[in-house]
Amino acid sequence: MVQELLIPSDHPRRVSLEIRERLVECFRKGMVVEQGLIAHGRGEAYDYLIGEKTTSTALNAIKTAVAALLLAKEPVLSVNGNVACLCSKEIANLAEIINAKIEINIFYRSKERIKIIEEELKRYYSKKIYGVEENNYAVIQELSSARRIVDRYGIYLSDVVLVPLEDGDRTEALVKMGKKVIAIDLNPLSRTSTTAQISIVDNIIRVIPLMIKYAQEYSRVNREELQSIIDNFDNKSNLEESLKTILRGIR
């Protein structure tokens, strides 16, 4: 109702403004923290420069990410406050299709906030949610922040992990642990993007629905074809092309 009153239906950037309203609402509920609002604003600037649309380069990375998740033995989707706020339903749908675990993993950690995120996910997801039970916590030794805490049966055990809206420190640590990391990050120059093996430079609200689409399609593809998609992907070239798109947007 607030969105309908404040944002005209013909506004050229209506979707972007609706996302802002949603994040503010989630902030008031305690799901999103102040720093998450700042992070979104930074990403929104990059999104503006890529034309607020999924580029062919990003689409190629999305297809590669889906192939990697389908081939994984222990795929995990990492969820923080912003992700839960913007696409809990879609994350739940993707997890079901690719048979992945969902783990709540947040930088600004509190029991209350974890509970709020868990309740949001449970609206759409009936299976076990990881990262909730303290008895199952494990520690990534290389990290000193709260992000060092992971579920020993979730991210700690994973071979492929999707980390939307991630911090660079943990991405680096996960890669050093031998995991294939898929990042969703609108900044191709971030440590997250440059460290992950597959970096999707696009807005998460467009990425996850496309991942669902290709997960449904690729679930019927044999393992050799899926591996070929991964083998033909070069993340360095992917990031270079993404940066060129942003530079064209600046010009």
C-alpha atoms as a PDB file:
ATOM      1  CA  MET A   1       0.000   0.000   0.000  1.00  0.00           C
ATOM      2  CA  VAL A   2       2.848   2.384   0.835  1.00  0.00           C
ATOM      3  CA  GLN A   3       4.463   1.642  -2.524  1.00  0.00           C
ATOM      4  CA  GLU A   4       1.225   2.270  -4.416  1.00  0.00           C
ATOM      5  CA  LEU A   5       0.800   5.643  -2.743  1.00  0.00           C
ATOM      6  CA  LEU A   6       4.373   6.858  -3.108  1.00  0.00           C
ATOM      7  CA  ILE A   7       5.505   5.447  -6.466  1.00  0.00           C
ATOM      8  CA  PRO A   8       3.523   6.300  -9.627  1.00  0.00           C
ATOM      9  CA  SER A   9       2.816   3.274 -11.838  1.00  0.00           C
ATOM     10  CA  ASP A  10       4.443   5.015 -14.811  1.00  0.00           C
ATOM     11  CA  HIS A  11       7.651   5.952 -12.981  1.00  0.00           C
ATOM     12  CA  PRO A  12      10.613   4.911 -15.227  1.00  0.00           C
ATOM     13  CA  ARG A  13      12.513   3.455 -12.244  1.00  0.00           C
ATOM     14  CA  ARG A  14       9.549   2.041 -10.394  1.00  0.00           C
ATOM     15  CA  VAL A  15      11.134  -1.373  -9.690  1.00  0.00           C
ATOM     16  CA  SER A  16      14.243   0.193  -8.186  1.00  0.00           C
ATOM     17  CA  LEU A  17      12.158   2.410  -5.928  1.00  0.00           C
ATOM     18  CA  GLU A  18       9.987  -0.521  -4.868  1.00  0.00           C
ATOM     19  CA  ILE A  19      13.132  -2.394  -3.828  1.00  0.00           C
ATOM     20  CA  ARG A  20      14.161   0.561  -1.672  1.00  0.00           C
ATOM     21  CA  GLU A  21      10.743   0.571   0.007  1.00  0.00           C
ATOM     22  CA  ARG A  22      10.987  -3.170   0.633  1.00  0.00           C
ATOM     23  CA  LEU A  23      14.436  -2.838   2.205  1.00  0.00           C
ATOM     24  CA  VAL A  24      13.281  -0.015   4.477  1.00  0.00           C
ATOM     25  CA  GLU A  25      10.347  -2.179   5.558  1.00  0.00           C
ATOM     26  CA  CYS A  26      12.721  -5.078   6.302  1.00  0.00           C
ATOM     27  CA  PHE A  27      15.008  -2.720   8.210  1.00  0.00           C
ATOM     28  CA  ARG A  28      12.128  -1.736  10.462  1.00  0.00           C
ATOM     29  CA  LYS A  29      11.403  -5.424  11.076  1.00  0.00           C
ATOM     30  CA  GLY A  30      15.022  -6.072  12.075  1.00  0.00           C
ATOM     31  CA  MET A  31      15.833  -8.295   9.103  1.00  0.00           C
ATOM     32  CA  VAL A  32      18.125  -5.761   7.411  1.00  0.00           C
ATOM     33  CA  VAL A  33      20.727  -3.634   9.212  1.00  0.00           C
ATOM     34  CA  GLU A  34      21.768  -0.051   8.461  1.00  0.00           C
ATOM     35  CA  GLN A  35      24.916  -1.253   6.740  1.00  0.00           C
ATOM     36  CA  GLY A  36      22.791  -3.399   4.443  1.00  0.00           C
ATOM     37  CA  LEU A  37      20.959  -0.294   3.255  1.00  0.00           C
ATOM     38  CA  ILE A  38      24.294   1.361   2.472  1.00  0.00           C
ATOM     39  CA  ALA A  39      25.504  -1.719   0.608  1.00  0.00           C
ATOM     40  CA  HIS A  40      22.345  -1.763  -1.478  1.00  0.00           C
ATOM     41  CA  GLY A  41      22.806   1.898  -2.402  1.00  0.00           C
ATOM     42  CA  ARG A  42      26.319   1.194  -3.598  1.00  0.00           C
ATOM     43  CA  GLY A  43      25.102  -1.708  -5.707  1.00  0.00           C
ATOM     44  CA  GLU A  44      22.235   0.346  -7.098  1.00  0.00           C
ATOM     45  CA  ALA A  45      24.757   2.819  -8.543  1.00  0.00           C
ATOM     46  CA  TYR A  46      26.451   0.018 -10.492  1.00  0.00           C
ATOM     47  CA  ASP A  47      23.085  -1.322 -11.602  1.00  0.00           C
ATOM     48  CA  TYR A  48      22.246   2.081 -13.051  1.00  0.00           C
ATOM     49  CA  LEU A  49      25.471   1.993 -15.074  1.00  0.00           C
ATOM     50  CA  ILE A  50      24.735  -1.422 -16.584  1.00  0.00           C
ATOM     51  CA  GLY A  51      21.289  -0.176 -17.629  1.00  0.00           C
ATOM     52  CA  GLU A  52      19.324  -1.986 -14.888  1.00  0.00           C
ATOM     53  CA  LYS A  53      19.124  -5.091 -17.044  1.00  0.00           C
ATOM     54  CA  THR A  54      20.805  -8.475 -17.304  1.00  0.00           C
ATOM     55  CA  THR A  55      23.625  -8.300 -19.837  1.00  0.00           C
ATOM     56  CA  SER A  56      24.622 -11.183 -22.103  1.00  0.00           C
ATOM     57  CA  THR A  57      27.813 -11.453 -20.044  1.00  0.00           C
ATOM     58  CA  ALA A  58      25.855 -11.836 -16.810  1.00  0.00           C
ATOM     59  CA  LEU A  59      23.516 -14.342 -18.451  1.00  0.00           C
ATOM     60  CA  ASN A  60      26.492 -16.491 -19.432  1.00  0.00           C
ATOM     61  CA  ALA A  61      27.714 -16.413 -15.810  1.00  0.00           C
ATOM     62  CA  ILE A  62      24.216 -17.323 -14.591  1.00  0.00           C
ATOM     63  CA  LYS A  63      24.096 -20.380 -16.862  1.00  0.00           C
ATOM     64  CA  THR A  64      27.558 -21.444 -15.676  1.00  0.00           C
ATOM     65  CA  ALA A  65      26.539 -21.002 -12.036  1.00  0.00           C
ATOM     66  CA  VAL A  66      23.471 -23.180 -12.514  1.00  0.00           C
ATOM     67  CA  ALA A  67      25.548 -25.880 -14.175  1.00  0.00           C
ATOM     68  CA  ALA A  68      28.002 -25.838 -11.262  1.00  0.00           C
ATOM     69  CA  LEU A  69      25.225 -26.071  -8.680  1.00  0.00           C
ATOM     70  CA  LEU A  70      23.566 -28.972 -10.495  1.00  0.00           C
ATOM     71  CA  LEU A  71      26.872 -30.881 -10.628  1.00  0.00           C
ATOM     72  CA  ALA A  72      27.672 -30.204  -6.972  1.00  0.00           C
ATOM     73  CA  LYS A  73      27.520 -32.936  -4.347  1.00  0.00           C
ATOM     74  CA  GLU A  74      26.789 -30.510  -1.497  1.00  0.00           C
ATOM     75  CA  PRO A  75      25.434 -27.223  -2.923  1.00  0.00           C
ATOM     76  CA  VAL A  76      24.544 -24.492  -0.426  1.00  0.00           C
ATOM     77  CA  LEU A  77      22.782 -21.158  -0.901  1.00  0.00           C
ATOM     78  CA  SER A  78      23.987 -18.574   1.628  1.00  0.00           C
ATOM     79  CA  VAL A  79      21.353 -16.067   2.761  1.00  0.00           C
ATOM     80  CA  ASN A  80      21.856 -12.765   4.577  1.00  0.00           C
ATOM     81  CA  GLY A  81      19.332 -10.108   5.568  1.00  0.00           C
ATOM     82  CA  ASN A  82      19.178  -8.329   2.204  1.00  0.00           C
ATOM     83  CA  VAL A  83      18.808 -11.607   0.317  1.00  0.00           C
ATOM     84  CA  ALA A  84      16.024 -12.806   2.620  1.00  0.00           C
ATOM     85  CA  CYS A  85      14.273  -9.460   2.263  1.00  0.00           C
ATOM     86  CA  LEU A  86      14.391  -9.296  -1.525  1.00  0.00           C
ATOM     87  CA  CYS A  87      14.022 -12.880  -2.724  1.00  0.00           C
ATOM     88  CA  SER A  88      13.215 -15.455  -0.031  1.00  0.00           C
ATOM     89  CA  LYS A  89      10.545 -17.075  -2.192  1.00  0.00           C
ATOM     90  CA  GLU A  90      12.852 -17.332  -5.198  1.00  0.00           C
ATOM     91  CA  ILE A  91      15.763 -18.676  -3.119  1.00  0.00           C
ATOM     92  CA  ALA A  92      13.462 -21.349  -1.705  1.00  0.00           C
ATOM     93  CA  ASN A  93      12.296 -22.262  -5.213  1.00  0.00           C
ATOM     94  CA  LEU A  94      15.859 -22.506  -6.518  1.00  0.00           C
ATOM     95  CA  ALA A  95      16.942 -24.652  -3.563  1.00  0.00           C
ATOM     96  CA  GLU A  96      14.126 -27.103  -4.258  1.00  0.00           C
ATOM     97  CA  ILE A  97      14.959 -27.421  -7.955  1.00  0.00           C
ATOM     98  CA  ILE A  98      18.699 -28.004  -7.518  1.00  0.00           C
ATOM     99  CA  ASN A  99      18.373 -29.878  -4.213  1.00  0.00           C
ATOM    100  CA  ALA A 100      20.564 -27.369  -2.351  1.00  0.00           C
ATOM    101  CA  LYS A 101      20.683 -26.479   1.324  1.00  0.00           C
ATOM    102  CA  ILE A 102      19.869 -22.980   2.529  1.00  0.00           C
ATOM    103  CA  GLU A 103      22.076 -21.474   5.238  1.00  0.00           C
ATOM    104  CA  ILE A 104      21.531 -18.200   7.064  1.00  0.00           C
ATOM    105  CA  ASN A 105      24.884 -16.454   7.370  1.00  0.00           C
ATOM    106  CA  ILE A 106      25.078 -12.831   8.479  1.00  0.00           C
ATOM    107  CA  PHE A 107      27.871 -10.411   9.360  1.00  0.00           C
ATOM    108  CA  TYR A 108      25.956  -8.515  12.059  1.00  0.00           C
ATOM    109  CA  ARG A 109      24.913 -11.581  14.002  1.00  0.00           C
ATOM    110  CA  SER A 110      22.282 -11.860  16.710  1.00  0.00           C
ATOM    111  CA  LYS A 111      19.852 -14.610  17.699  1.00  0.00           C
ATOM    112  CA  GLU A 112      16.936 -12.264  17.150  1.00  0.00           C
ATOM    113  CA  ARG A 113      17.965 -11.347  13.631  1.00  0.00           C
ATOM    114  CA  ILE A 114      18.642 -14.964  12.665  1.00  0.00           C
ATOM    115  CA  LYS A 115      15.167 -15.853  13.926  1.00  0.00           C
ATOM    116  CA  ILE A 116      13.531 -13.085  11.869  1.00  0.00           C
ATOM    117  CA  ILE A 117      15.329 -14.257   8.702  1.00  0.00           C
ATOM    118  CA  GLU A 118      14.457 -17.881   9.449  1.00  0.00           C
ATOM    119  CA  GLU A 119      10.778 -17.016   9.832  1.00  0.00           C
ATOM    120  CA  GLU A 120      10.816 -15.173   6.500  1.00  0.00           C
ATOM    121  CA  LEU A 121      12.384 -18.168   4.718  1.00  0.00           C
ATOM    122  CA  LYS A 122       9.947 -20.593   6.341  1.00  0.00           C
ATOM    123  CA  ARG A 123       7.090 -18.802   4.625  1.00  0.00           C
ATOM    124  CA  TYR A 124       8.255 -20.476   1.406  1.00  0.00           C
ATOM    125  CA  TYR A 125      10.580 -23.302   2.458  1.00  0.00           C
ATOM    126  CA  SER A 126       9.574 -26.343   4.510  1.00  0.00           C
ATOM    127  CA  LYS A 127      12.933 -28.108   4.743  1.00  0.00           C
ATOM    128  CA  LYS A 128      15.648 -27.626   7.360  1.00  0.00           C
ATOM    129  CA  ILE A 129      17.338 -24.232   7.350  1.00  0.00           C
ATOM    130  CA  TYR A 130      21.005 -24.296   8.319  1.00  0.00           C
ATOM    131  CA  GLY A 131      22.967 -21.714  10.291  1.00  0.00           C
ATOM    132  CA  VAL A 132      20.336 -21.577  13.035  1.00  0.00           C
ATOM    133  CA  GLU A 133      21.380 -24.178  15.614  1.00  0.00           C
ATOM    134  CA  GLU A 134      24.389 -23.073  17.672  1.00  0.00           C
ATOM    135  CA  ASN A 135      25.308 -26.688  18.439  1.00  0.00           C
ATOM    136  CA  ASN A 136      26.094 -27.162  14.754  1.00  0.00           C
ATOM    137  CA  TYR A 137      28.356 -24.125  14.366  1.00  0.00           C
ATOM    138  CA  ALA A 138      31.848 -24.556  12.936  1.00  0.00           C
ATOM    139  CA  VAL A 139      34.528 -21.900  12.528  1.00  0.00           C
ATOM    140  CA  ILE A 140      36.529 -20.765   9.489  1.00  0.00           C
ATOM    141  CA  GLN A 141      39.903 -20.309  11.147  1.00  0.00           C
ATOM    142  CA  GLU A 142      41.205 -17.649   8.755  1.00  0.00           C
ATOM    143  CA  LEU A 143      38.462 -15.167   9.685  1.00  0.00           C
ATOM    144  CA  SER A 144      38.049 -13.065  12.808  1.00  0.00           C
ATOM    145  CA  SER A 145      34.639 -11.514  12.076  1.00  0.00           C
ATOM    146  CA  ALA A 146      31.253 -13.080  12.852  1.00  0.00           C
ATOM    147  CA  ARG A 147      31.304 -14.443   9.291  1.00  0.00           C
ATOM    148  CA  ARG A 148      33.771 -17.092  10.517  1.00  0.00           C
ATOM    149  CA  ILE A 149      30.785 -18.958  11.982  1.00  0.00           C
ATOM    150  CA  VAL A 150      29.177 -21.401   9.561  1.00  0.00           C
ATOM    151  CA  ASP A 151      27.035 -24.501   9.898  1.00  0.00           C
ATOM    152  CA  ARG A 152      29.204 -27.624   9.936  1.00  0.00           C
ATOM    153  CA  TYR A 153      26.528 -29.452   7.939  1.00  0.00           C
ATOM    154  CA  GLY A 154      25.956 -26.533   5.562  1.00  0.00           C
ATOM    155  CA  ILE A 155      28.628 -24.196   4.193  1.00  0.00           C
ATOM    156  CA  TYR A 156      31.433 -25.961   6.073  1.00  0.00           C
ATOM    157  CA  LEU A 157      30.561 -29.214   4.303  1.00  0.00           C
ATOM    158  CA  SER A 158      29.705 -27.679   0.918  1.00  0.00           C
ATOM    159  CA  ASP A 159      31.645 -28.107  -2.316  1.00  0.00           C
ATOM    160  CA  VAL A 160      29.775 -25.353  -4.219  1.00  0.00           C
ATOM    161  CA  VAL A 161      28.301 -22.333  -2.451  1.00  0.00           C
ATOM    162  CA  LEU A 162      26.272 -19.424  -3.802  1.00  0.00           C
ATOM    163  CA  VAL A 163      27.145 -16.243  -1.899  1.00  0.00           C
ATOM    164  CA  PRO A 164      24.905 -13.332  -2.947  1.00  0.00           C
ATOM    165  CA  LEU A 165      25.824  -9.876  -1.618  1.00  0.00           C
ATOM    166  CA  GLU A 166      28.899 -11.274   0.111  1.00  0.00           C
ATOM    167  CA  ASP A 167      31.950  -9.790   1.850  1.00  0.00           C
ATOM    168  CA  GLY A 168      35.351 -10.351   0.240  1.00  0.00           C
ATOM    169  CA  ASP A 169      37.069 -11.792   3.318  1.00  0.00           C
ATOM    170  CA  ARG A 170      34.809 -14.795   3.539  1.00  0.00           C
ATOM    171  CA  THR A 171      34.833 -15.375  -0.208  1.00  0.00           C
ATOM    172  CA  GLU A 172      38.627 -15.569  -0.088  1.00  0.00           C
ATOM    173  CA  ALA A 173      38.504 -17.931   2.882  1.00  0.00           C
ATOM    174  CA  LEU A 174      35.950 -20.226   1.226  1.00  0.00           C
ATOM    175  CA  VAL A 175      38.033 -20.445  -1.944  1.00  0.00           C
ATOM    176  CA  LYS A 176      41.122 -21.300   0.137  1.00  0.00           C
ATOM    177  CA  MET A 177      39.100 -24.088   1.743  1.00  0.00           C
ATOM    178  CA  GLY A 178      38.735 -25.606  -1.731  1.00  0.00           C
ATOM    179  CA  LYS A 179      35.144 -24.618  -2.398  1.00  0.00           C
ATOM    180  CA  LYS A 180      33.764 -23.360  -5.703  1.00  0.00           C
ATOM    181  CA  VAL A 181      32.232 -19.977  -4.929  1.00  0.00           C
ATOM    182  CA  ILE A 182      29.524 -18.347  -7.010  1.00  0.00           C
ATOM    183  CA  ALA A 183      29.105 -14.635  -6.279  1.00  0.00           C
ATOM    184  CA  ILE A 184      26.301 -12.244  -7.131  1.00  0.00           C
ATOM    185  CA  ASP A 185      27.828  -8.778  -6.962  1.00  0.00           C
ATOM    186  CA  LEU A 186      27.100  -5.674  -9.041  1.00  0.00           C
ATOM    187  CA  ASN A 187      30.687  -4.457  -8.538  1.00  0.00           C
ATOM    188  CA  PRO A 188      33.092  -6.366 -10.832  1.00  0.00           C
ATOM    189  CA  LEU A 189      36.071  -4.825  -9.016  1.00  0.00           C
ATOM    190  CA  SER A 190      35.156  -6.047  -5.521  1.00  0.00           C
ATOM    191  CA  ARG A 191      37.248  -8.695  -3.795  1.00  0.00           C
ATOM    192  CA  THR A 192      34.206 -10.924  -3.818  1.00  0.00           C
ATOM    193  CA  SER A 193      33.911 -10.726  -7.611  1.00  0.00           C
ATOM    194  CA  THR A 194      37.621 -11.062  -8.295  1.00  0.00           C
ATOM    195  CA  THR A 195      38.073 -13.974  -5.868  1.00  0.00           C
ATOM    196  CA  ALA A 196      35.024 -16.093  -6.707  1.00  0.00           C
ATOM    197  CA  GLN A 197      35.329 -18.628  -9.510  1.00  0.00           C
ATOM    198  CA  ILE A 198      31.994 -17.587 -11.019  1.00  0.00           C
ATOM    199  CA  SER A 199      30.927 -13.943 -10.594  1.00  0.00           C
ATOM    200  CA  ILE A 200      27.492 -12.778 -11.687  1.00  0.00           C
ATOM    201  CA  VAL A 201      27.562  -9.000 -12.148  1.00  0.00           C
ATOM    202  CA  ASP A 202      23.864  -8.297 -11.964  1.00  0.00           C
ATOM    203  CA  ASN A 203      21.054  -7.425  -9.572  1.00  0.00           C
ATOM    204  CA  ILE A 204      19.965 -10.350  -7.405  1.00  0.00           C
ATOM    205  CA  ILE A 205      16.278  -9.677  -8.090  1.00  0.00           C
ATOM    206  CA  ARG A 206      16.928 -10.486 -11.764  1.00  0.00           C
ATOM    207  CA  VAL A 207      19.515 -13.211 -11.164  1.00  0.00           C
ATOM    208  CA  ILE A 208      17.602 -15.662  -8.988  1.00  0.00           C
ATOM    209  CA  PRO A 209      14.530 -15.898 -11.277  1.00  0.00           C
ATOM    210  CA  LEU A 210      16.863 -16.553 -14.217  1.00  0.00           C
ATOM    211  CA  MET A 211      18.720 -19.183 -12.210  1.00  0.00           C
ATOM    212  CA  ILE A 212      15.385 -20.874 -11.560  1.00  0.00           C
ATOM    213  CA  LYS A 213      14.587 -20.819 -15.266  1.00  0.00           C
ATOM    214  CA  TYR A 214      17.893 -22.405 -16.277  1.00  0.00           C
ATOM    215  CA  ALA A 215      17.883 -24.842 -13.359  1.00  0.00           C
ATOM    216  CA  GLN A 216      14.583 -26.191 -14.667  1.00  0.00           C
ATOM    217  CA  GLU A 217      16.017 -26.426 -18.183  1.00  0.00           C
ATOM    218  CA  TYR A 218      19.436 -27.816 -17.240  1.00  0.00           C
ATOM    219  CA  SER A 219      18.029 -30.443 -14.879  1.00  0.00           C
ATOM    220  CA  ARG A 220      17.306 -32.417 -18.057  1.00  0.00           C
ATOM    221  CA  VAL A 221      20.846 -31.967 -19.436  1.00  0.00           C
ATOM    222  CA  ASN A 222      23.475 -34.684 -18.989  1.00  0.00           C
ATOM    223  CA  ARG A 223      26.514 -34.160 -16.772  1.00  0.00           C
ATOM    224  CA  GLU A 224      28.959 -33.949 -19.696  1.00  0.00           C
ATOM    225  CA  GLU A 225      27.100 -31.015 -21.217  1.00  0.00           C
ATOM    226  CA  LEU A 226      26.924 -29.257 -17.866  1.00  0.00           C
ATOM    227  CA  GLN A 227      30.658 -29.720 -17.351  1.00  0.00           C
ATOM    228  CA  SER A 228      31.290 -28.335 -20.832  1.00  0.00           C
ATOM    229  CA  ILE A 229      29.437 -25.138 -19.898  1.00  0.00           C
ATOM    230  CA  ILE A 230      31.701 -24.733 -16.869  1.00  0.00           C
ATOM    231  CA  ASP A 231      34.887 -25.566 -18.782  1.00  0.00           C
ATOM    232  CA  ASN A 232      34.139 -22.906 -21.403  1.00  0.00           C
ATOM    233  CA  PHE A 233      33.680 -20.169 -18.796  1.00  0.00           C
ATOM    234  CA  ASP A 234      36.501 -17.750 -17.944  1.00  0.00           C
ATOM    235  CA  ASN A 235      35.770 -15.540 -14.955  1.00  0.00           C
ATOM    236  CA  LYS A 236      38.555 -13.087 -15.771  1.00  0.00           C
ATOM    237  CA  SER A 237      37.048 -12.411 -19.197  1.00  0.00           C
ATOM    238  CA  ASN A 238      33.601 -12.294 -17.615  1.00  0.00           C
ATOM    239  CA  LEU A 239      34.688  -9.525 -15.238  1.00  0.00           C
ATOM    240  CA  GLU A 240      36.524  -7.626 -17.970  1.00  0.00           C
ATOM    241  CA  GLU A 241      33.406  -7.597 -20.155  1.00  0.00           C
ATOM    242  CA  SER A 242      31.272  -6.543 -17.194  1.00  0.00           C
ATOM    243  CA  LEU A 243      33.634  -3.634 -16.495  1.00  0.00           C
ATOM    244  CA  LYS A 244      33.472  -2.580 -20.171  1.00  0.00           C
ATOM    245  CA  THR A 245      29.682  -2.455 -19.894  1.00  0.00           C
ATOM    246  CA  ILE A 246      29.950  -0.187 -16.859  1.00  0.00           C
ATOM    247  CA  LEU A 247      32.468   2.075 -18.610  1.00  0.00           C
ATOM    248  CA  ARG A 248      30.103   2.410 -21.569  1.00  0.00           C
ATOM    249  CA  GLY A 249      27.397   3.376 -19.097  1.00  0.00           C
ATOM    250  CA  ILE A 250      29.637   6.087 -17.687  1.00  0.00           C
ATOM    251  CA  ARG A 251      30.420   7.460 -21.139  1.00  0.00           C
END
